[in-house]
Amino acid sequence: MNGPYKPGTPCWIDLMVPDQQAALDFYCDLFGWQGEIGPAETGGYSVCHLKGKPVAGIMKAMNPDGSTPDPMPPTVWTTYLATDSVDSTLKAATDAGASVMMDATDITDIGRMAVVKDPTGAVFGLWEPGTFYGAGIVNEHGALIWNELTTPDTDRAAAFYSAILPISPEATTLEGAEGYTEFKVGGRGVAGMMDMSNLPPGVPPHWMPYFKVDDVDEIQAAAVRGGATVLAPAFDMPAGRMAVLADPQGGGFSVIKEKAAVTP
């Protein structure tokens, strides 16, 4: 294993947006991050920090040649799963029915990545660390605490992810959350999965990040003041209190104050 993240564990998230500076302003104001547009040699990619540690990435949507895409792709957070070998995991993924959105690519000396669409339609990334392992801070206010796959076919998704990485999908033991699946790595819950039956028509399959916050209602109100849309107003659920929001450019994310540990 390379670094702190066992293969199969979500290790990083990033956001691709039309207006990178506006996204930086929104998330830095909301969560207390620090971030600025990065150097040209990395396409301006911004690694945002919290308490001096990397917490998430934000990048401008652009074509490989630096031009503006037409049409503009949707604004989405991408969840990256750790792997010891992007190339072997990518081959396993395509053998299991996935399609490649971005082929295996070296990112300077910091790591190797790929972006994949699983057989049920959800897009995710793979990350093989070099000098960069991923998020340096998690499970604190303003940082990632959970990642969740929403899919129309949980059985097929469970079979896919367990075929490409050492992930064990198991029914949750959390009272009141019947029907929810946990993805476990080494016996520890690292992510979740649910079906799409409760979502409005037209919502595509997706991976969504959850950020830990000290006060869900306060963050929801602050997000709205910053131009966000409330997709699911603050509500109590088995793991705690949460809300589902979309940033001003449409990127969906959840915030949660857990009443019991959501992740080990």
Protein backbone atom coordinates (compact mmCIF):
# COMPACT_ATOMS: atom_id res chain seq x y z
CA MET A 1 0.00 0.00 0.00
CA ASN A 2 1.24 3.49 -0.85
CA GLY A 3 0.47 6.15 1.72
CA PRO A 4 -2.41 6.42 4.17
CA TYR A 5 -5.23 5.31 1.86
CA LYS A 6 -5.77 1.61 1.28
CA PRO A 7 -6.78 0.68 -2.28
CA GLY A 8 -10.52 1.16 -2.75
CA THR A 9 -10.74 4.06 -0.31
CA PRO A 10 -11.89 7.49 -1.51
CA CYS A 11 -8.73 9.60 -1.20
CA TRP A 12 -9.41 12.85 -3.07
CA ILE A 13 -12.16 14.95 -4.61
CA ASP A 14 -12.05 17.73 -7.14
CA LEU A 15 -14.48 20.03 -8.89
CA MET A 16 -14.48 21.13 -12.53
CA VAL A 17 -16.26 24.45 -13.10
CA PRO A 18 -16.71 27.12 -15.78
CA ASP A 19 -15.63 29.91 -13.35
CA GLN A 20 -12.77 28.67 -11.19
CA GLN A 21 -12.29 31.87 -9.19
CA ALA A 22 -15.99 32.06 -8.32
CA ALA A 23 -15.89 28.45 -7.08
CA LEU A 24 -12.79 29.17 -5.00
CA ASP A 25 -14.48 32.18 -3.46
CA PHE A 26 -17.63 30.20 -2.63
CA TYR A 27 -15.98 27.20 -0.99
CA CYS A 28 -13.28 29.20 0.79
CA ASP A 29 -15.97 31.45 2.28
CA LEU A 30 -18.20 28.50 3.20
CA PHE A 31 -15.66 26.11 4.71
CA GLY A 32 -12.69 28.28 5.60
CA TRP A 33 -10.45 26.85 2.88
CA GLN A 34 -7.48 28.64 1.37
CA GLY A 35 -7.01 28.36 -2.37
CA GLU A 36 -5.87 30.25 -5.44
CA ILE A 37 -5.60 29.52 -9.14
CA GLY A 38 -2.57 27.33 -9.71
CA PRO A 39 0.33 27.56 -12.16
CA ALA A 40 -0.16 27.35 -15.90
CA GLU A 41 1.85 24.13 -16.21
CA THR A 42 -0.86 22.31 -14.23
CA GLY A 43 -3.69 24.02 -16.12
CA GLY A 44 -4.31 26.38 -13.22
CA TYR A 45 -5.43 23.47 -11.00
CA SER A 46 -5.99 24.69 -7.46
CA VAL A 47 -5.27 22.49 -4.45
CA CYS A 48 -7.35 23.99 -1.66
CA HIS A 49 -6.10 23.75 1.91
CA LEU A 50 -7.67 23.64 5.35
CA LYS A 51 -5.42 24.17 8.36
CA GLY A 52 -2.49 24.01 5.97
CA LYS A 53 -3.39 20.56 4.60
CA PRO A 54 -4.81 19.65 1.18
CA VAL A 55 -8.57 19.17 1.31
CA ALA A 56 -9.94 19.32 -2.27
CA GLY A 57 -9.12 20.45 -5.80
CA ILE A 58 -10.88 22.98 -8.02
CA MET A 59 -10.14 23.37 -11.73
CA LYS A 60 -11.46 25.29 -14.71
CA ALA A 61 -13.32 23.27 -17.31
CA MET A 62 -11.21 23.31 -20.46
CA ASN A 63 -10.23 21.21 -23.43
CA PRO A 64 -6.77 19.58 -23.48
CA ASP A 65 -5.53 22.43 -25.69
CA GLY A 66 -6.71 24.99 -23.14
CA SER A 67 -9.74 26.16 -25.11
CA THR A 68 -13.22 26.53 -23.63
CA PRO A 69 -15.42 23.45 -24.10
CA ASP A 70 -18.58 23.77 -26.15
CA PRO A 71 -20.88 22.60 -24.79
CA MET A 72 -19.63 23.18 -21.25
CA PRO A 73 -19.59 19.94 -19.23
CA PRO A 74 -21.76 19.77 -16.09
CA THR A 75 -20.26 21.09 -12.88
CA VAL A 76 -19.59 18.01 -10.75
CA TRP A 77 -17.42 16.84 -7.89
CA THR A 78 -15.33 13.80 -8.81
CA THR A 79 -14.48 11.19 -6.18
CA TYR A 80 -11.11 9.44 -6.61
CA LEU A 81 -10.54 5.91 -5.32
CA ALA A 82 -7.02 4.97 -4.24
CA THR A 83 -5.21 2.21 -6.10
CA ASP A 84 -1.72 0.77 -6.13
CA SER A 85 -1.86 0.60 -9.95
CA VAL A 86 -4.09 2.79 -12.08
CA ASP A 87 -3.26 0.73 -15.17
CA SER A 88 -4.26 -2.64 -13.71
CA THR A 89 -7.40 -1.21 -12.07
CA LEU A 90 -8.35 0.50 -15.31
CA LYS A 91 -8.02 -2.77 -17.22
CA ALA A 92 -10.13 -4.55 -14.61
CA ALA A 93 -12.71 -1.76 -14.86
CA THR A 94 -13.01 -1.97 -18.65
CA ASP A 95 -13.14 -5.76 -18.47
CA ALA A 96 -16.03 -5.35 -16.01
CA GLY A 97 -17.99 -3.06 -18.34
CA ALA A 98 -16.74 0.45 -17.52
CA SER A 99 -15.90 3.09 -20.10
CA VAL A 100 -12.79 5.26 -19.95
CA MET A 101 -13.42 9.01 -19.75
CA MET A 102 -9.73 9.92 -19.29
CA ASP A 103 -7.00 7.38 -19.88
CA ALA A 104 -4.23 6.71 -17.36
CA THR A 105 -2.10 9.84 -17.13
CA ASP A 106 0.92 10.89 -15.07
CA ILE A 107 0.43 14.17 -13.20
CA THR A 108 4.05 15.36 -12.93
CA ASP A 109 5.57 13.36 -10.05
CA ILE A 110 2.57 13.62 -7.75
CA GLY A 111 0.68 10.59 -9.05
CA ARG A 112 -1.09 8.79 -11.87
CA MET A 113 -4.80 9.09 -12.55
CA ALA A 114 -7.67 8.03 -14.76
CA VAL A 115 -11.38 8.86 -14.93
CA VAL A 116 -13.92 6.11 -15.48
CA LYS A 117 -17.67 5.74 -15.95
CA ASP A 118 -18.92 2.64 -14.17
CA PRO A 119 -21.38 0.27 -15.90
CA THR A 120 -24.34 1.98 -14.22
CA GLY A 121 -23.34 5.46 -15.46
CA ALA A 122 -21.56 7.02 -12.46
CA VAL A 123 -18.22 8.74 -13.10
CA PHE A 124 -15.30 8.41 -10.68
CA GLY A 125 -11.53 8.78 -10.66
CA LEU A 126 -8.64 6.48 -9.85
CA TRP A 127 -5.54 7.78 -8.06
CA GLU A 128 -2.18 6.06 -7.76
CA PRO A 129 -0.06 8.23 -5.47
CA GLY A 130 3.41 9.47 -6.22
CA THR A 131 4.43 12.28 -3.91
CA PHE A 132 0.76 13.21 -3.28
CA TYR A 133 -1.52 10.79 -1.44
CA GLY A 134 -4.74 12.80 -1.45
CA ALA A 135 -6.64 14.62 1.26
CA GLY A 136 -4.42 15.51 4.19
CA ILE A 137 -7.33 16.37 6.45
CA VAL A 138 -10.68 14.56 6.77
CA ASN A 139 -13.49 14.17 9.31
CA GLU A 140 -13.17 17.76 10.55
CA HIS A 141 -15.37 20.81 9.98
CA GLY A 142 -15.06 21.81 6.31
CA ALA A 143 -13.35 18.58 5.27
CA LEU A 144 -14.47 15.42 3.52
CA ILE A 145 -16.13 12.82 5.75
CA TRP A 146 -17.98 10.49 3.36
CA ASN A 147 -18.50 9.66 -0.31
CA GLU A 148 -21.70 8.15 -1.65
CA LEU A 149 -22.63 6.46 -4.89
CA THR A 150 -26.20 6.87 -6.11
CA THR A 151 -27.01 4.39 -8.86
CA PRO A 152 -30.00 2.85 -10.62
CA ASP A 153 -28.54 -0.66 -10.21
CA THR A 154 -26.98 -1.29 -6.81
CA ASP A 155 -26.40 -4.99 -7.47
CA ARG A 156 -24.46 -4.34 -10.66
CA ALA A 157 -22.51 -1.49 -9.04
CA ALA A 158 -21.63 -3.66 -6.03
CA ALA A 159 -20.36 -6.41 -8.32
CA PHE A 160 -18.35 -3.91 -10.38
CA TYR A 161 -16.54 -2.11 -7.55
CA SER A 162 -15.74 -5.35 -5.71
CA ALA A 163 -14.31 -6.76 -8.96
CA ILE A 164 -11.87 -3.91 -9.59
CA LEU A 165 -10.70 -3.04 -6.06
CA PRO A 166 -10.64 -4.73 -2.63
CA ILE A 167 -14.05 -3.29 -1.75
CA SER A 168 -16.63 -5.35 0.14
CA PRO A 169 -20.22 -4.06 -0.27
CA GLU A 170 -22.25 -4.86 2.85
CA ALA A 171 -25.74 -3.94 4.02
CA THR A 172 -25.48 -1.28 6.71
CA THR A 173 -26.14 -2.16 10.34
CA LEU A 174 -27.22 1.42 11.10
CA GLU A 175 -30.71 1.40 12.55
CA GLY A 176 -33.24 3.17 10.34
CA ALA A 177 -31.03 3.00 7.25
CA GLU A 178 -32.30 -0.27 5.84
CA GLY A 179 -31.49 -0.72 2.16
CA TYR A 180 -28.29 1.32 2.39
CA THR A 181 -25.01 -0.31 1.39
CA GLU A 182 -21.61 0.40 2.86
CA PHE A 183 -18.43 -0.11 0.88
CA LYS A 184 -15.85 -1.56 3.27
CA VAL A 185 -12.09 -1.82 2.86
CA GLY A 186 -10.29 -3.98 5.37
CA GLY A 187 -13.48 -4.20 7.41
CA ARG A 188 -13.92 -0.42 7.68
CA GLY A 189 -16.71 1.57 6.08
CA VAL A 190 -15.18 3.98 3.56
CA ALA A 191 -18.14 4.92 1.34
CA GLY A 192 -21.84 4.30 0.81
CA MET A 193 -24.27 3.37 -1.93
CA MET A 194 -27.97 3.92 -2.42
CA ASP A 195 -30.45 3.48 -5.23
CA MET A 196 -32.05 6.35 -7.12
CA SER A 197 -35.67 5.63 -6.28
CA ASN A 198 -36.05 8.75 -4.11
CA LEU A 199 -34.45 11.18 -6.54
CA PRO A 200 -36.24 13.33 -9.11
CA PRO A 201 -36.35 12.02 -12.70
CA GLY A 202 -33.42 13.10 -14.80
CA VAL A 203 -30.77 13.06 -12.05
CA PRO A 204 -27.86 11.02 -13.42
CA PRO A 205 -26.00 8.34 -11.47
CA HIS A 206 -23.24 10.00 -9.47
CA TRP A 207 -20.74 9.99 -6.64
CA MET A 208 -21.32 12.76 -4.09
CA PRO A 209 -18.95 14.10 -1.41
CA TYR A 210 -20.12 14.81 2.12
CA PHE A 211 -18.39 17.52 4.14
CA LYS A 212 -18.42 17.46 7.91
CA VAL A 213 -19.78 20.64 9.50
CA ASP A 214 -20.42 21.77 13.06
CA ASP A 215 -23.88 23.19 12.27
CA VAL A 216 -25.79 22.01 9.19
CA ASP A 217 -28.46 24.71 9.34
CA GLU A 218 -25.90 27.48 9.69
CA ILE A 219 -23.87 26.18 6.73
CA GLN A 220 -27.02 25.78 4.65
CA ALA A 221 -27.96 29.40 5.31
CA ALA A 222 -24.43 30.59 4.53
CA ALA A 223 -24.40 28.59 1.30
CA VAL A 224 -27.69 30.18 0.20
CA ARG A 225 -26.29 33.63 0.96
CA GLY A 226 -23.36 32.69 -1.27
CA GLY A 227 -25.69 31.80 -4.16
CA ALA A 228 -26.16 28.06 -3.58
CA THR A 229 -29.37 26.11 -4.15
CA VAL A 230 -30.88 23.83 -1.52
CA LEU A 231 -31.66 20.42 -3.02
CA ALA A 232 -32.72 18.81 0.27
CA PRO A 233 -33.20 21.14 3.26
CA ALA A 234 -31.51 20.22 6.54
CA PHE A 235 -33.07 17.06 7.96
CA ASP A 236 -32.38 14.42 10.57
CA MET A 237 -31.46 10.93 9.39
CA PRO A 238 -29.99 7.81 11.00
CA ALA A 239 -26.36 8.99 10.81
CA GLY A 240 -27.02 12.56 11.93
CA ARG A 241 -28.30 15.82 10.45
CA MET A 242 -27.56 16.67 6.83
CA ALA A 243 -28.48 18.82 3.86
CA VAL A 244 -27.92 18.45 0.13
CA LEU A 245 -26.81 21.59 -1.68
CA ALA A 246 -25.70 22.73 -5.13
CA ASP A 247 -23.07 25.44 -5.42
CA PRO A 248 -23.78 28.52 -7.57
CA GLN A 249 -22.45 26.71 -10.67
CA GLY A 250 -24.48 23.56 -10.04
CA GLY A 251 -21.99 21.28 -8.28
CA GLY A 252 -23.85 19.05 -5.83
CA PHE A 253 -22.53 18.21 -2.38
CA SER A 254 -23.83 17.25 1.04
CA VAL A 255 -23.01 18.53 4.51
CA ILE A 256 -23.46 16.49 7.66
CA LYS A 257 -23.09 16.69 11.40
CA GLU A 258 -22.90 13.07 12.44
CA LYS A 259 -24.42 11.84 15.69
CA ALA A 260 -22.29 8.73 15.48
CA ALA A 261 -19.12 8.20 13.51
CA VAL A 262 -19.98 8.01 9.83
CA THR A 263 -16.48 6.80 9.07
CA PRO A 264 -14.08 4.99 11.40
